[in-house]
C-alpha atoms as a PDB file:
ATOM      1  CA  MET A   1      83.914 170.222 -21.093  1.00  0.00           C
ATOM      2  CA  LYS A   2      83.711 171.389 -24.929  1.00  0.00           C
ATOM      3  CA  SER A   3      87.328 171.312 -27.111  1.00  0.00           C
ATOM      4  CA  THR A   4      85.937 175.499 -26.710  1.00  0.00           C
ATOM      5  CA  ASP A   5      86.815 175.288 -23.072  1.00  0.00           C
ATOM      6  CA  VAL A   6      90.293 173.999 -23.239  1.00  0.00           C
ATOM      7  CA  PRO A   7      91.471 177.589 -24.366  1.00  0.00           C
ATOM      8  CA  GLN A   8      89.775 179.301 -21.561  1.00  0.00           C
ATOM      9  CA  VAL A   9      91.194 176.607 -18.635  1.00  0.00           C
ATOM     10  CA  ARG A  10      94.399 177.746 -20.021  1.00  0.00           C
ATOM     11  CA  ARG A  11      94.123 181.040 -19.935  1.00  0.00           C
ATOM     12  CA  ASP A  12      92.117 180.801 -16.302  1.00  0.00           C
ATOM     13  CA  ALA A  13      94.839 178.791 -14.743  1.00  0.00           C
ATOM     14  CA  GLU A  14      97.602 181.694 -15.655  1.00  0.00           C
ATOM     15  CA  GLU A  15      95.359 184.498 -14.116  1.00  0.00           C
ATOM     16  CA  SER A  16      95.144 182.493 -10.942  1.00  0.00           C
ATOM     17  CA  PHE A  17      98.973 181.744 -11.257  1.00  0.00           C
ATOM     18  CA  GLY A  18      99.560 185.390 -11.911  1.00  0.00           C
ATOM     19  CA  ALA A  19      96.742 186.419  -8.852  1.00  0.00           C
ATOM     20  CA  GLY A  20      98.796 184.598  -6.596  1.00  0.00           C
ATOM     21  CA  LEU A  21      97.841 180.845  -6.565  1.00  0.00           C
ATOM     22  CA  TYR A  22     101.079 178.503  -7.213  1.00  0.00           C
ATOM     23  CA  CYS A  23     100.992 175.885  -9.798  1.00  0.00           C
ATOM     24  CA  ALA A  24      98.849 172.886  -9.069  1.00  0.00           C
ATOM     25  CA  GLU A  25      96.329 174.818  -7.138  1.00  0.00           C
ATOM     26  CA  SER A  26      95.989 177.490 -10.389  1.00  0.00           C
ATOM     27  CA  VAL A  27      95.850 173.662 -12.451  1.00  0.00           C
ATOM     28  CA  LEU A  28      93.372 172.209 -10.706  1.00  0.00           C
ATOM     29  CA  LEU A  29      91.070 174.863  -9.604  1.00  0.00           C
ATOM     30  CA  ALA A  30      90.860 175.976 -13.913  1.00  0.00           C
ATOM     31  CA  VAL A  31      90.083 172.282 -14.694  1.00  0.00           C
ATOM     32  CA  ALA A  32      87.394 171.609 -11.882  1.00  0.00           C
ATOM     33  CA  ARG A  33      85.941 175.344 -13.032  1.00  0.00           C
ATOM     34  CA  ALA A  34      85.232 174.235 -16.241  1.00  0.00           C
ATOM     35  CA  GLN A  35      83.418 171.171 -14.733  1.00  0.00           C
ATOM     36  CA  GLY A  36      81.274 172.857 -12.893  1.00  0.00           C
ATOM     37  CA  ILE A  37      83.254 171.689  -9.754  1.00  0.00           C
ATOM     38  CA  GLU A  38      82.813 174.550  -6.930  1.00  0.00           C
ATOM     39  CA  SER A  39      84.875 174.125  -3.485  1.00  0.00           C
ATOM     40  CA  GLU A  40      87.308 174.957  -0.805  1.00  0.00           C
ATOM     41  CA  TRP A  41      89.158 172.023  -0.370  1.00  0.00           C
ATOM     42  CA  LEU A  42      90.449 172.369  -4.314  1.00  0.00           C
ATOM     43  CA  PRO A  43      93.749 174.644  -3.812  1.00  0.00           C
ATOM     44  CA  LYS A  44      93.595 173.230  -0.302  1.00  0.00           C
ATOM     45  CA  ILE A  45      94.375 169.552  -1.429  1.00  0.00           C
ATOM     46  CA  ALA A  46      96.966 171.078  -3.810  1.00  0.00           C
ATOM     47  CA  THR A  47      99.088 173.044  -2.403  1.00  0.00           C
ATOM     48  CA  GLY A  48     101.304 170.529  -1.440  1.00  0.00           C
ATOM     49  CA  PHE A  49     102.046 169.738  -4.470  1.00  0.00           C
ATOM     50  CA  CYS A  50     103.290 173.236  -5.544  1.00  0.00           C
ATOM     51  CA  GLY A  51     106.764 173.734  -5.833  1.00  0.00           C
ATOM     52  CA  GLY A  52     107.321 170.318  -6.484  1.00  0.00           C
ATOM     53  CA  MET A  53     105.824 168.410  -4.540  1.00  0.00           C
ATOM     54  CA  SER A  54     106.693 171.420  -1.493  1.00  0.00           C
ATOM     55  CA  ARG A  55     110.099 172.138  -2.838  1.00  0.00           C
ATOM     56  CA  THR A  56     111.506 169.218  -2.453  1.00  0.00           C
ATOM     57  CA  CYS A  57     112.281 168.913  -5.973  1.00  0.00           C
ATOM     58  CA  GLY A  58     109.533 166.564  -6.727  1.00  0.00           C
ATOM     59  CA  PRO A  59     107.774 166.874 -10.482  1.00  0.00           C
ATOM     60  CA  CYS A  60     106.215 170.104 -11.446  1.00  0.00           C
ATOM     61  CA  GLY A  61     103.529 171.350  -9.769  1.00  0.00           C
ATOM     62  CA  ALA A  62     101.505 172.266 -12.863  1.00  0.00           C
ATOM     63  CA  LEU A  63     102.285 168.616 -14.227  1.00  0.00           C
ATOM     64  CA  THR A  64     101.144 167.131 -10.669  1.00  0.00           C
ATOM     65  CA  GLY A  65      97.958 169.523 -10.984  1.00  0.00           C
ATOM     66  CA  GLY A  66      97.094 168.070 -14.185  1.00  0.00           C
ATOM     67  CA  VAL A  67      96.728 164.871 -13.067  1.00  0.00           C
ATOM     68  CA  MET A  68      94.635 165.938 -10.436  1.00  0.00           C
ATOM     69  CA  ALA A  69      92.766 167.526 -12.084  1.00  0.00           C
ATOM     70  CA  ILE A  70      92.043 164.435 -14.341  1.00  0.00           C
ATOM     71  CA  GLY A  71      91.632 162.491 -11.221  1.00  0.00           C
ATOM     72  CA  LEU A  72      88.912 164.426  -9.826  1.00  0.00           C
ATOM     73  CA  VAL A  73      86.419 164.276 -13.618  1.00  0.00           C
ATOM     74  CA  LEU A  74      87.637 160.824 -14.813  1.00  0.00           C
ATOM     75  CA  GLY A  75      88.722 158.871 -11.360  1.00  0.00           C
ATOM     76  CA  ARG A  76      86.633 156.034 -10.073  1.00  0.00           C
ATOM     77  CA  ASN A  77      84.446 156.166  -7.318  1.00  0.00           C
ATOM     78  CA  GLY A  78      84.876 152.959  -5.632  1.00  0.00           C
ATOM     79  CA  PRO A  79      87.328 149.683  -5.715  1.00  0.00           C
ATOM     80  CA  LYS A  80      85.618 147.563  -8.062  1.00  0.00           C
ATOM     81  CA  ALA A  81      85.346 150.385 -11.066  1.00  0.00           C
ATOM     82  CA  PRO A  82      88.774 149.849 -13.412  1.00  0.00           C
ATOM     83  CA  VAL A  83      91.587 152.138 -13.548  1.00  0.00           C
ATOM     84  CA  GLN A  84      92.197 152.507 -16.725  1.00  0.00           C
ATOM     85  CA  ASP A  85      89.559 155.554 -18.118  1.00  0.00           C
ATOM     86  CA  CYS A  86      91.874 157.861 -15.268  1.00  0.00           C
ATOM     87  CA  TYR A  87      95.125 156.360 -15.894  1.00  0.00           C
ATOM     88  CA  ALA A  88      95.537 156.277 -19.627  1.00  0.00           C
ATOM     89  CA  PRO A  89      94.911 160.401 -19.957  1.00  0.00           C
ATOM     90  CA  ILE A  90      97.404 160.479 -16.994  1.00  0.00           C
ATOM     91  CA  GLN A  91     100.355 158.408 -18.933  1.00  0.00           C
ATOM     92  CA  LYS A  92      99.504 160.789 -22.179  1.00  0.00           C
ATOM     93  CA  LEU A  93      99.445 164.065 -19.921  1.00  0.00           C
ATOM     94  CA  VAL A  94     103.084 162.918 -17.938  1.00  0.00           C
ATOM     95  CA  ARG A  95     104.406 161.535 -21.625  1.00  0.00           C
ATOM     96  CA  ASP A  96     103.349 164.947 -23.323  1.00  0.00           C
ATOM     97  CA  PHE A  97     104.379 167.586 -20.594  1.00  0.00           C
ATOM     98  CA  GLU A  98     107.824 165.816 -20.492  1.00  0.00           C
ATOM     99  CA  ALA A  99     108.574 166.254 -24.385  1.00  0.00           C
ATOM    100  CA  GLU A 100     107.484 169.562 -24.932  1.00  0.00           C
ATOM    101  CA  PHE A 101     109.143 170.955 -22.009  1.00  0.00           C
ATOM    102  CA  GLY A 102     112.152 168.215 -21.394  1.00  0.00           C
ATOM    103  CA  ALA A 103     111.657 167.510 -18.147  1.00  0.00           C
ATOM    104  CA  ARG A 104     108.871 167.089 -15.846  1.00  0.00           C
ATOM    105  CA  ASP A 105     110.811 167.114 -12.071  1.00  0.00           C
ATOM    106  CA  CYS A 106     110.620 170.847 -10.674  1.00  0.00           C
ATOM    107  CA  ASP A 107     114.303 171.401 -10.240  1.00  0.00           C
ATOM    108  CA  ARG A 108     115.388 170.600 -13.570  1.00  0.00           C
ATOM    109  CA  LEU A 109     112.418 172.688 -15.885  1.00  0.00           C
ATOM    110  CA  LEU A 110     113.651 176.008 -13.575  1.00  0.00           C
ATOM    111  CA  GLY A 111     117.725 175.050 -12.838  1.00  0.00           C
ATOM    112  CA  CYS A 112     117.327 175.250  -9.376  1.00  0.00           C
ATOM    113  CA  ASP A 113     116.497 173.478  -5.801  1.00  0.00           C
ATOM    114  CA  LEU A 114     113.668 175.966  -4.770  1.00  0.00           C
ATOM    115  CA  GLY A 115     114.235 174.352  -1.425  1.00  0.00           C
ATOM    116  CA  THR A 116     116.852 176.451  -1.028  1.00  0.00           C
ATOM    117  CA  ALA A 117     118.092 179.816  -0.495  1.00  0.00           C
ATOM    118  CA  GLN A 118     120.350 179.928  -3.535  1.00  0.00           C
ATOM    119  CA  GLY A 119     117.559 178.346  -5.815  1.00  0.00           C
ATOM    120  CA  GLN A 120     115.258 180.605  -4.919  1.00  0.00           C
ATOM    121  CA  LEU A 121     117.060 183.745  -5.353  1.00  0.00           C
ATOM    122  CA  LEU A 122     117.909 182.221  -8.408  1.00  0.00           C
ATOM    123  CA  PHE A 123     114.335 181.651  -9.341  1.00  0.00           C
ATOM    124  CA  ARG A 124     113.654 185.483  -8.707  1.00  0.00           C
ATOM    125  CA  VAL A 125     117.112 187.236 -10.055  1.00  0.00           C
ATOM    126  CA  ASN A 126     116.159 184.686 -13.690  1.00  0.00           C
ATOM    127  CA  GLY A 127     112.733 185.601 -14.016  1.00  0.00           C
ATOM    128  CA  LEU A 128     112.025 181.991 -13.942  1.00  0.00           C
ATOM    129  CA  ARG A 129     108.185 182.981 -12.701  1.00  0.00           C
ATOM    130  CA  GLU A 130     107.431 182.893 -15.897  1.00  0.00           C
ATOM    131  CA  ARG A 131     108.292 179.319 -16.868  1.00  0.00           C
ATOM    132  CA  CYS A 132     105.744 178.598 -14.279  1.00  0.00           C
ATOM    133  CA  VAL A 133     103.259 180.390 -15.802  1.00  0.00           C
ATOM    134  CA  ARG A 134     103.238 178.990 -19.039  1.00  0.00           C
ATOM    135  CA  TYR A 135     104.015 175.396 -17.318  1.00  0.00           C
ATOM    136  CA  THR A 136     101.108 176.196 -15.446  1.00  0.00           C
ATOM    137  CA  GLY A 137      99.059 177.348 -18.331  1.00  0.00           C
ATOM    138  CA  ARG A 138     100.076 174.030 -20.635  1.00  0.00           C
ATOM    139  CA  ALA A 139      99.437 171.808 -17.792  1.00  0.00           C
ATOM    140  CA  ALA A 140      95.847 172.873 -17.529  1.00  0.00           C
ATOM    141  CA  GLU A 141      95.323 173.004 -21.528  1.00  0.00           C
ATOM    142  CA  MET A 142      96.540 169.672 -21.840  1.00  0.00           C
ATOM    143  CA  ALA A 143      94.833 167.889 -19.269  1.00  0.00           C
ATOM    144  CA  ALA A 144      91.418 170.115 -20.274  1.00  0.00           C
ATOM    145  CA  GLN A 145      92.263 168.196 -23.903  1.00  0.00           C
ATOM    146  CA  LEU A 146      92.679 164.778 -22.422  1.00  0.00           C
ATOM    147  CA  ILE A 147      89.266 165.123 -20.255  1.00  0.00           C
ATOM    148  CA  HIS A 148      87.614 166.339 -23.326  1.00  0.00           C
ATOM    149  CA  GLU A 149      89.246 163.806 -25.563  1.00  0.00           C
ATOM    150  CA  SER A 150      87.920 161.492 -22.842  1.00  0.00           C
ATOM    151  CA  GLN A 151      84.690 162.504 -22.265  1.00  0.00           C
ATOM    152  CA  GLU A 152      84.101 162.243 -26.109  1.00  0.00           C
ATOM    153  CA  ALA A 153      85.345 158.929 -26.643  1.00  0.00           C
ATOM    154  CA  LYS A 154      82.941 157.525 -24.040  1.00  0.00           C
ATOM    155  CA  ARG A 155      79.930 159.064 -25.790  1.00  0.00           C
ATOM    156  CA  ALA A 156      80.895 157.715 -28.972  1.00  0.00           C
ATOM    157  CA  GLY A 157      81.529 154.558 -27.588  1.00  0.00           C
END
């Protein structure tokens, strides 16, 4: 991935979210496409991570989409391969996301529990979807940047 691709990944993730995909699906799909990876399985494997792990107040789907995207590109293919090439960028993604937004869990980021009718009402009434667009775009951008940096370091080293 080239550094010039990073802003486009953000835009692609935000567009996918705007078109009806959810956070984790949008992030994973945008990063995968930037890497030339296309598969009907990509949004499917991310669906359960959307809405804070299927509306259970778990980690933000945008963040978990970023984790999956980094794993897709930098993950290992077998038991003897090292994990650090994947773990280090994911650890940085989680730290940076939490530092920028103040939390990593969906309910804390939005201030409501999407697993309840009241939480879903608050989500709609308070226009919280716009926050999700921002989290989605930014998580995709951060993951893409970390992948780019990792690939550049590997080429240089």
